[in-house]
Amino acid sequence: MLAFQSDWLYPASRSLEIVRACKLAGIDATYCEIDSTYGHDAFLLEVEEETHLVKYFLQKVFLENGITGDDQVLRYDI
């Protein structure tokens, strides 16, 4: 789950609570908090950091599921 430190509409603390609840329920979850001063609009403006985190997450999922670069999957250069 991605959260933004300055988001007042969806506070990072609430996102962290969701991740903790997922983990207690046996659901694999990861929490990443991006330090930003853009408030709720950070998800529109912190594109570079979000892209990095999403790309890393997808690579991890692919590796865990045995998907390699040779497999026929949709690819986007990001």
PDB file of N, CA and C in Angstrom:
ATOM      1  N   MET A   1       0.842  -1.160   0.000  1.00  0.00           N
ATOM      2  CA  MET A   1       0.000   0.000   0.000  1.00  0.00           C
ATOM      3  C   MET A   1       0.894   1.231   0.000  1.00  0.00           C
ATOM      4  N   LEU A   2       0.564   2.174  -0.846  1.00  0.00           N
ATOM      5  CA  LEU A   2       1.277   3.449  -0.892  1.00  0.00           C
ATOM      6  C   LEU A   2       0.502   4.491  -0.097  1.00  0.00           C
ATOM      7  N   ALA A   3       1.216   5.269   0.677  1.00  0.00           N
ATOM      8  CA  ALA A   3       0.605   6.365   1.418  1.00  0.00           C
ATOM      9  C   ALA A   3       1.514   7.580   1.313  1.00  0.00           C
ATOM     10  N   PHE A   4       0.920   8.730   1.501  1.00  0.00           N
ATOM     11  CA  PHE A   4       1.678   9.978   1.432  1.00  0.00           C
ATOM     12  C   PHE A   4       1.616  10.670   2.784  1.00  0.00           C
ATOM     13  N   GLN A   5       2.756  11.016   3.291  1.00  0.00           N
ATOM     14  CA  GLN A   5       2.918  11.574   4.634  1.00  0.00           C
ATOM     15  C   GLN A   5       2.026  12.777   4.870  1.00  0.00           C
ATOM     16  N   SER A   6       1.807  13.601   3.880  1.00  0.00           N
ATOM     17  CA  SER A   6       1.055  14.846   4.070  1.00  0.00           C
ATOM     18  C   SER A   6      -0.406  14.760   3.628  1.00  0.00           C
ATOM     19  N   ASP A   7      -0.878  13.586   3.259  1.00  0.00           N
ATOM     20  CA  ASP A   7      -2.264  13.434   2.790  1.00  0.00           C
ATOM     21  C   ASP A   7      -3.221  13.553   3.968  1.00  0.00           C
ATOM     22  N   TRP A   8      -4.062  14.566   3.967  1.00  0.00           N
ATOM     23  CA  TRP A   8      -4.999  14.793   5.063  1.00  0.00           C
ATOM     24  C   TRP A   8      -6.332  14.087   4.814  1.00  0.00           C
ATOM     25  N   LEU A   9      -6.634  13.779   3.532  1.00  0.00           N
ATOM     26  CA  LEU A   9      -7.901  13.130   3.215  1.00  0.00           C
ATOM     27  C   LEU A   9      -7.851  11.624   3.507  1.00  0.00           C
ATOM     28  N   TYR A  10      -6.739  11.000   3.152  1.00  0.00           N
ATOM     29  CA  TYR A  10      -6.484   9.586   3.453  1.00  0.00           C
ATOM     30  C   TYR A  10      -5.168   9.508   4.226  1.00  0.00           C
ATOM     31  N   PRO A  11      -5.195   9.751   5.522  1.00  0.00           N
ATOM     32  CA  PRO A  11      -3.963   9.824   6.322  1.00  0.00           C
ATOM     33  C   PRO A  11      -3.136   8.539   6.264  1.00  0.00           C
ATOM     34  N   ALA A  12      -1.840   8.709   6.245  1.00  0.00           N
ATOM     35  CA  ALA A  12      -0.921   7.571   6.207  1.00  0.00           C
ATOM     36  C   ALA A  12      -1.155   6.639   7.389  1.00  0.00           C
ATOM     37  N   SER A  13      -1.516   7.181   8.520  1.00  0.00           N
ATOM     38  CA  SER A  13      -1.748   6.344   9.698  1.00  0.00           C
ATOM     39  C   SER A  13      -2.886   5.349   9.469  1.00  0.00           C
ATOM     40  N   ARG A  14      -3.910   5.746   8.728  1.00  0.00           N
ATOM     41  CA  ARG A  14      -5.028   4.848   8.434  1.00  0.00           C
ATOM     42  C   ARG A  14      -4.593   3.755   7.461  1.00  0.00           C
ATOM     43  N   SER A  15      -3.757   4.119   6.503  1.00  0.00           N
ATOM     44  CA  SER A  15      -3.231   3.115   5.563  1.00  0.00           C
ATOM     45  C   SER A  15      -2.396   2.078   6.302  1.00  0.00           C
ATOM     46  N   LEU A  16      -1.618   2.549   7.250  1.00  0.00           N
ATOM     47  CA  LEU A  16      -0.799   1.638   8.052  1.00  0.00           C
ATOM     48  C   LEU A  16      -1.684   0.694   8.866  1.00  0.00           C
ATOM     49  N   GLU A  17      -2.796   1.201   9.380  1.00  0.00           N
ATOM     50  CA  GLU A  17      -3.741   0.350  10.105  1.00  0.00           C
ATOM     51  C   GLU A  17      -4.298  -0.746   9.196  1.00  0.00           C
ATOM     52  N   ILE A  18      -4.606  -0.406   7.961  1.00  0.00           N
ATOM     53  CA  ILE A  18      -5.129  -1.384   7.005  1.00  0.00           C
ATOM     54  C   ILE A  18      -4.099  -2.473   6.740  1.00  0.00           C
ATOM     55  N   VAL A  19      -2.847  -2.069   6.559  1.00  0.00           N
ATOM     56  CA  VAL A  19      -1.781  -3.048   6.310  1.00  0.00           C
ATOM     57  C   VAL A  19      -1.605  -3.963   7.521  1.00  0.00           C
ATOM     58  N   ARG A  20      -1.637  -3.392   8.707  1.00  0.00           N
ATOM     59  CA  ARG A  20      -1.526  -4.216   9.924  1.00  0.00           C
ATOM     60  C   ARG A  20      -2.672  -5.209  10.021  1.00  0.00           C
ATOM     61  N   ALA A  21      -3.881  -4.773   9.714  1.00  0.00           N
ATOM     62  CA  ALA A  21      -5.043  -5.667   9.750  1.00  0.00           C
ATOM     63  C   ALA A  21      -4.902  -6.777   8.710  1.00  0.00           C
ATOM     64  N   CYS A  22      -4.412  -6.446   7.544  1.00  0.00           N
ATOM     65  CA  CYS A  22      -4.184  -7.458   6.502  1.00  0.00           C
ATOM     66  C   CYS A  22      -3.191  -8.508   6.986  1.00  0.00           C
ATOM     67  N   LYS A  23      -2.100  -8.049   7.559  1.00  0.00           N
ATOM     68  CA  LYS A  23      -1.083  -8.974   8.059  1.00  0.00           C
ATOM     69  C   LYS A  23      -1.634  -9.878   9.157  1.00  0.00           C
ATOM     70  N   LEU A  24      -2.435  -9.317  10.068  1.00  0.00           N
ATOM     71  CA  LEU A  24      -3.049 -10.122  11.128  1.00  0.00           C
ATOM     72  C   LEU A  24      -4.010 -11.162  10.547  1.00  0.00           C
ATOM     73  N   ALA A  25      -4.602 -10.857   9.400  1.00  0.00           N
ATOM     74  CA  ALA A  25      -5.523 -11.776   8.740  1.00  0.00           C
ATOM     75  C   ALA A  25      -4.795 -12.767   7.829  1.00  0.00           C
ATOM     76  N   GLY A  26      -3.459 -12.687   7.819  1.00  0.00           N
ATOM     77  CA  GLY A  26      -2.677 -13.614   7.007  1.00  0.00           C
ATOM     78  C   GLY A  26      -2.514 -13.193   5.557  1.00  0.00           C
ATOM     79  N   ILE A  27      -2.831 -11.950   5.266  1.00  0.00           N
ATOM     80  CA  ILE A  27      -2.698 -11.429   3.905  1.00  0.00           C
ATOM     81  C   ILE A  27      -1.350 -10.741   3.770  1.00  0.00           C
ATOM     82  N   ASP A  28      -0.606 -11.105   2.741  1.00  0.00           N
ATOM     83  CA  ASP A  28       0.698 -10.489   2.486  1.00  0.00           C
ATOM     84  C   ASP A  28       0.471  -9.029   2.076  1.00  0.00           C
ATOM     85  N   ALA A  29       1.023  -8.115   2.821  1.00  0.00           N
ATOM     86  CA  ALA A  29       0.849  -6.693   2.534  1.00  0.00           C
ATOM     87  C   ALA A  29       2.140  -5.955   2.832  1.00  0.00           C
ATOM     88  N   THR A  30       2.371  -4.911   2.068  1.00  0.00           N
ATOM     89  CA  THR A  30       3.551  -4.078   2.245  1.00  0.00           C
ATOM     90  C   THR A  30       3.106  -2.625   2.329  1.00  0.00           C
ATOM     91  N   TYR A  31       3.779  -1.861   3.167  1.00  0.00           N
ATOM     92  CA  TYR A  31       3.456  -0.452   3.359  1.00  0.00           C
ATOM     93  C   TYR A  31       4.630   0.405   2.912  1.00  0.00           C
ATOM     94  N   CYS A  32       4.357   1.372   2.071  1.00  0.00           N
ATOM     95  CA  CYS A  32       5.371   2.333   1.643  1.00  0.00           C
ATOM     96  C   CYS A  32       4.789   3.735   1.820  1.00  0.00           C
ATOM     97  N   GLU A  33       5.525   4.555   2.546  1.00  0.00           N
ATOM     98  CA  GLU A  33       5.082   5.932   2.774  1.00  0.00           C
ATOM     99  C   GLU A  33       6.025   6.876   2.050  1.00  0.00           C
ATOM    100  N   ILE A  34       5.446   7.730   1.230  1.00  0.00           N
ATOM    101  CA  ILE A  34       6.219   8.699   0.465  1.00  0.00           C
ATOM    102  C   ILE A  34       6.158  10.042   1.190  1.00  0.00           C
ATOM    103  N   ASP A  35       7.316  10.604   1.442  1.00  0.00           N
ATOM    104  CA  ASP A  35       7.422  11.906   2.087  1.00  0.00           C
ATOM    105  C   ASP A  35       7.148  12.977   1.039  1.00  0.00           C
ATOM    106  N   SER A  36       6.068  13.689   1.186  1.00  0.00           N
ATOM    107  CA  SER A  36       5.656  14.684   0.203  1.00  0.00           C
ATOM    108  C   SER A  36       5.004  15.859   0.913  1.00  0.00           C
ATOM    109  N   THR A  37       5.066  17.010   0.308  1.00  0.00           N
ATOM    110  CA  THR A  37       4.424  18.200   0.858  1.00  0.00           C
ATOM    111  C   THR A  37       3.159  18.572   0.084  1.00  0.00           C
ATOM    112  N   TYR A  38       2.743  17.724  -0.852  1.00  0.00           N
ATOM    113  CA  TYR A  38       1.618  18.043  -1.735  1.00  0.00           C
ATOM    114  C   TYR A  38       0.253  17.650  -1.183  1.00  0.00           C
ATOM    115  N   GLY A  39       0.188  17.133   0.015  1.00  0.00           N
ATOM    116  CA  GLY A  39      -1.092  16.756   0.599  1.00  0.00           C
ATOM    117  C   GLY A  39      -1.763  15.650  -0.185  1.00  0.00           C
ATOM    118  N   HIS A  40      -3.085  15.727  -0.310  1.00  0.00           N
ATOM    119  CA  HIS A  40      -3.834  14.682  -1.005  1.00  0.00           C
ATOM    120  C   HIS A  40      -3.473  14.598  -2.485  1.00  0.00           C
ATOM    121  N   ASP A  41      -3.038  15.686  -3.085  1.00  0.00           N
ATOM    122  CA  ASP A  41      -2.677  15.689  -4.504  1.00  0.00           C
ATOM    123  C   ASP A  41      -1.343  15.008  -4.787  1.00  0.00           C
ATOM    124  N   ALA A  42      -0.668  14.545  -3.769  1.00  0.00           N
ATOM    125  CA  ALA A  42       0.644  13.913  -3.951  1.00  0.00           C
ATOM    126  C   ALA A  42       0.569  12.735  -4.913  1.00  0.00           C
ATOM    127  N   PHE A  43      -0.546  11.993  -4.896  1.00  0.00           N
ATOM    128  CA  PHE A  43      -0.642  10.840  -5.785  1.00  0.00           C
ATOM    129  C   PHE A  43      -0.627  11.249  -7.255  1.00  0.00           C
ATOM    130  N   LEU A  44      -0.930  12.516  -7.534  1.00  0.00           N
ATOM    131  CA  LEU A  44      -0.877  13.029  -8.904  1.00  0.00           C
ATOM    132  C   LEU A  44       0.491  13.606  -9.254  1.00  0.00           C
ATOM    133  N   LEU A  45       1.267  13.962  -8.239  1.00  0.00           N
ATOM    134  CA  LEU A  45       2.494  14.717  -8.475  1.00  0.00           C
ATOM    135  C   LEU A  45       3.783  13.954  -8.180  1.00  0.00           C
ATOM    136  N   GLU A  46       3.724  12.938  -7.359  1.00  0.00           N
ATOM    137  CA  GLU A  46       4.926  12.173  -6.996  1.00  0.00           C
ATOM    138  C   GLU A  46       5.078  10.956  -7.918  1.00  0.00           C
ATOM    139  N   VAL A  47       4.930  11.191  -9.204  1.00  0.00           N
ATOM    140  CA  VAL A  47       4.886  10.116 -10.192  1.00  0.00           C
ATOM    141  C   VAL A  47       6.185   9.315 -10.238  1.00  0.00           C
ATOM    142  N   GLU A  48       7.307   9.966 -10.162  1.00  0.00           N
ATOM    143  CA  GLU A  48       8.592   9.263 -10.258  1.00  0.00           C
ATOM    144  C   GLU A  48       8.766   8.257  -9.110  1.00  0.00           C
ATOM    145  N   GLU A  49       8.478   8.685  -7.897  1.00  0.00           N
ATOM    146  CA  GLU A  49       8.618   7.796  -6.738  1.00  0.00           C
ATOM    147  C   GLU A  49       7.594   6.668  -6.794  1.00  0.00           C
ATOM    148  N   GLU A  50       6.353   6.994  -7.176  1.00  0.00           N
ATOM    149  CA  GLU A  50       5.315   5.959  -7.294  1.00  0.00           C
ATOM    150  C   GLU A  50       5.696   4.928  -8.350  1.00  0.00           C
ATOM    151  N   THR A  51       6.191   5.403  -9.479  1.00  0.00           N
ATOM    152  CA  THR A  51       6.598   4.510 -10.566  1.00  0.00           C
ATOM    153  C   THR A  51       7.679   3.551 -10.096  1.00  0.00           C
ATOM    154  N   HIS A  52       8.657   4.069  -9.386  1.00  0.00           N
ATOM    155  CA  HIS A  52       9.739   3.235  -8.858  1.00  0.00           C
ATOM    156  C   HIS A  52       9.181   2.139  -7.949  1.00  0.00           C
ATOM    157  N   LEU A  53       8.294   2.493  -7.039  1.00  0.00           N
ATOM    158  CA  LEU A  53       7.739   1.529  -6.089  1.00  0.00           C
ATOM    159  C   LEU A  53       6.846   0.494  -6.779  1.00  0.00           C
ATOM    160  N   VAL A  54       6.020   0.935  -7.713  1.00  0.00           N
ATOM    161  CA  VAL A  54       5.137   0.005  -8.426  1.00  0.00           C
ATOM    162  C   VAL A  54       5.956  -0.945  -9.299  1.00  0.00           C
ATOM    163  N   LYS A  55       6.973  -0.421  -9.954  1.00  0.00           N
ATOM    164  CA  LYS A  55       7.836  -1.263 -10.786  1.00  0.00           C
ATOM    165  C   LYS A  55       8.523  -2.338  -9.939  1.00  0.00           C
ATOM    166  N   TYR A  56       9.040  -1.958  -8.783  1.00  0.00           N
ATOM    167  CA  TYR A  56       9.690  -2.915  -7.889  1.00  0.00           C
ATOM    168  C   TYR A  56       8.691  -3.972  -7.429  1.00  0.00           C
ATOM    169  N   PHE A  57       7.486  -3.541  -7.057  1.00  0.00           N
ATOM    170  CA  PHE A  57       6.443  -4.467  -6.619  1.00  0.00           C
ATOM    171  C   PHE A  57       6.107  -5.471  -7.716  1.00  0.00           C
ATOM    172  N   LEU A  58       5.911  -4.994  -8.938  1.00  0.00           N
ATOM    173  CA  LEU A  58       5.562  -5.901 -10.038  1.00  0.00           C
ATOM    174  C   LEU A  58       6.691  -6.875 -10.350  1.00  0.00           C
ATOM    175  N   GLN A  59       7.934  -6.414 -10.304  1.00  0.00           N
ATOM    176  CA  GLN A  59       9.069  -7.316 -10.517  1.00  0.00           C
ATOM    177  C   GLN A  59       9.085  -8.410  -9.456  1.00  0.00           C
ATOM    178  N   LYS A  60       8.813  -8.048  -8.215  1.00  0.00           N
ATOM    179  CA  LYS A  60       8.774  -9.020  -7.118  1.00  0.00           C
ATOM    180  C   LYS A  60       7.664 -10.048  -7.351  1.00  0.00           C
ATOM    181  N   VAL A  61       6.485  -9.586  -7.735  1.00  0.00           N
ATOM    182  CA  VAL A  61       5.365 -10.488  -8.007  1.00  0.00           C
ATOM    183  C   VAL A  61       5.706 -11.423  -9.162  1.00  0.00           C
ATOM    184  N   PHE A  62       6.300 -10.896 -10.212  1.00  0.00           N
ATOM    185  CA  PHE A  62       6.675 -11.728 -11.354  1.00  0.00           C
ATOM    186  C   PHE A  62       7.657 -12.813 -10.925  1.00  0.00           C
ATOM    187  N   LEU A  63       8.688 -12.421 -10.180  1.00  0.00           N
ATOM    188  CA  LEU A  63       9.693 -13.393  -9.730  1.00  0.00           C
ATOM    189  C   LEU A  63       9.074 -14.465  -8.835  1.00  0.00           C
ATOM    190  N   GLU A  64       8.207 -14.061  -7.921  1.00  0.00           N
ATOM    191  CA  GLU A  64       7.569 -15.007  -7.012  1.00  0.00           C
ATOM    192  C   GLU A  64       6.666 -15.997  -7.746  1.00  0.00           C
ATOM    193  N   ASN A  65       6.194 -15.610  -8.922  1.00  0.00           N
ATOM    194  CA  ASN A  65       5.296 -16.463  -9.686  1.00  0.00           C
ATOM    195  C   ASN A  65       5.983 -17.115 -10.885  1.00  0.00           C
ATOM    196  N   GLY A  66       7.303 -17.023 -10.928  1.00  0.00           N
ATOM    197  CA  GLY A  66       8.071 -17.687 -11.972  1.00  0.00           C
ATOM    198  C   GLY A  66       7.943 -17.070 -13.349  1.00  0.00           C
ATOM    199  N   ILE A  67       7.536 -15.827 -13.406  1.00  0.00           N
ATOM    200  CA  ILE A  67       7.416 -15.153 -14.705  1.00  0.00           C
ATOM    201  C   ILE A  67       8.741 -14.497 -15.024  1.00  0.00           C
ATOM    202  N   THR A  68       9.272 -14.801 -16.192  1.00  0.00           N
ATOM    203  CA  THR A  68      10.548 -14.228 -16.613  1.00  0.00           C
ATOM    204  C   THR A  68      10.326 -13.266 -17.769  1.00  0.00           C
ATOM    205  N   GLY A  69      11.372 -12.625 -18.180  1.00  0.00           N
ATOM    206  CA  GLY A  69      11.304 -11.696 -19.309  1.00  0.00           C
ATOM    207  C   GLY A  69      10.925 -12.371 -20.610  1.00  0.00           C
ATOM    208  N   ASP A  70      11.076 -13.705 -20.686  1.00  0.00           N
ATOM    209  CA  ASP A  70      10.751 -14.439 -21.895  1.00  0.00           C
ATOM    210  C   ASP A  70       9.274 -14.777 -22.003  1.00  0.00           C
ATOM    211  N   ASP A  71       8.535 -14.669 -20.906  1.00  0.00           N
ATOM    212  CA  ASP A  71       7.116 -14.992 -20.911  1.00  0.00           C
ATOM    213  C   ASP A  71       6.335 -13.935 -21.676  1.00  0.00           C
ATOM    214  N   GLN A  72       5.205 -14.354 -22.209  1.00  0.00           N
ATOM    215  CA  GLN A  72       4.353 -13.440 -22.951  1.00  0.00           C
ATOM    216  C   GLN A  72       3.433 -12.706 -21.979  1.00  0.00           C
ATOM    217  N   VAL A  73       3.866 -11.573 -21.520  1.00  0.00           N
ATOM    218  CA  VAL A  73       3.059 -10.733 -20.634  1.00  0.00           C
ATOM    219  C   VAL A  73       3.065  -9.319 -21.182  1.00  0.00           C
ATOM    220  N   LEU A  74       2.096  -8.545 -20.781  1.00  0.00           N
ATOM    221  CA  LEU A  74       2.094  -7.153 -21.195  1.00  0.00           C
ATOM    222  C   LEU A  74       3.273  -6.449 -20.560  1.00  0.00           C
ATOM    223  N   ARG A  75       3.973  -5.677 -21.359  1.00  0.00           N
ATOM    224  CA  ARG A  75       5.138  -4.958 -20.855  1.00  0.00           C
ATOM    225  C   ARG A  75       4.981  -3.487 -21.169  1.00  0.00           C
ATOM    226  N   TYR A  76       5.312  -2.669 -20.212  1.00  0.00           N
ATOM    227  CA  TYR A  76       5.315  -1.228 -20.399  1.00  0.00           C
ATOM    228  C   TYR A  76       6.654  -0.716 -19.890  1.00  0.00           C
ATOM    229  N   ASP A  77       7.313   0.094 -20.691  1.00  0.00           N
ATOM    230  CA  ASP A  77       8.550   0.715 -20.228  1.00  0.00           C
ATOM    231  C   ASP A  77       8.179   1.887 -19.335  1.00  0.00           C
ATOM    232  N   ILE A  78       8.553   1.762 -18.065  1.00  0.00           N
ATOM    233  CA  ILE A  78       8.284   2.854 -17.138  1.00  0.00           C
ATOM    234  C   ILE A  78       9.548   3.255 -16.444  1.00  0.00           C
TER     235      ILE A  78
END
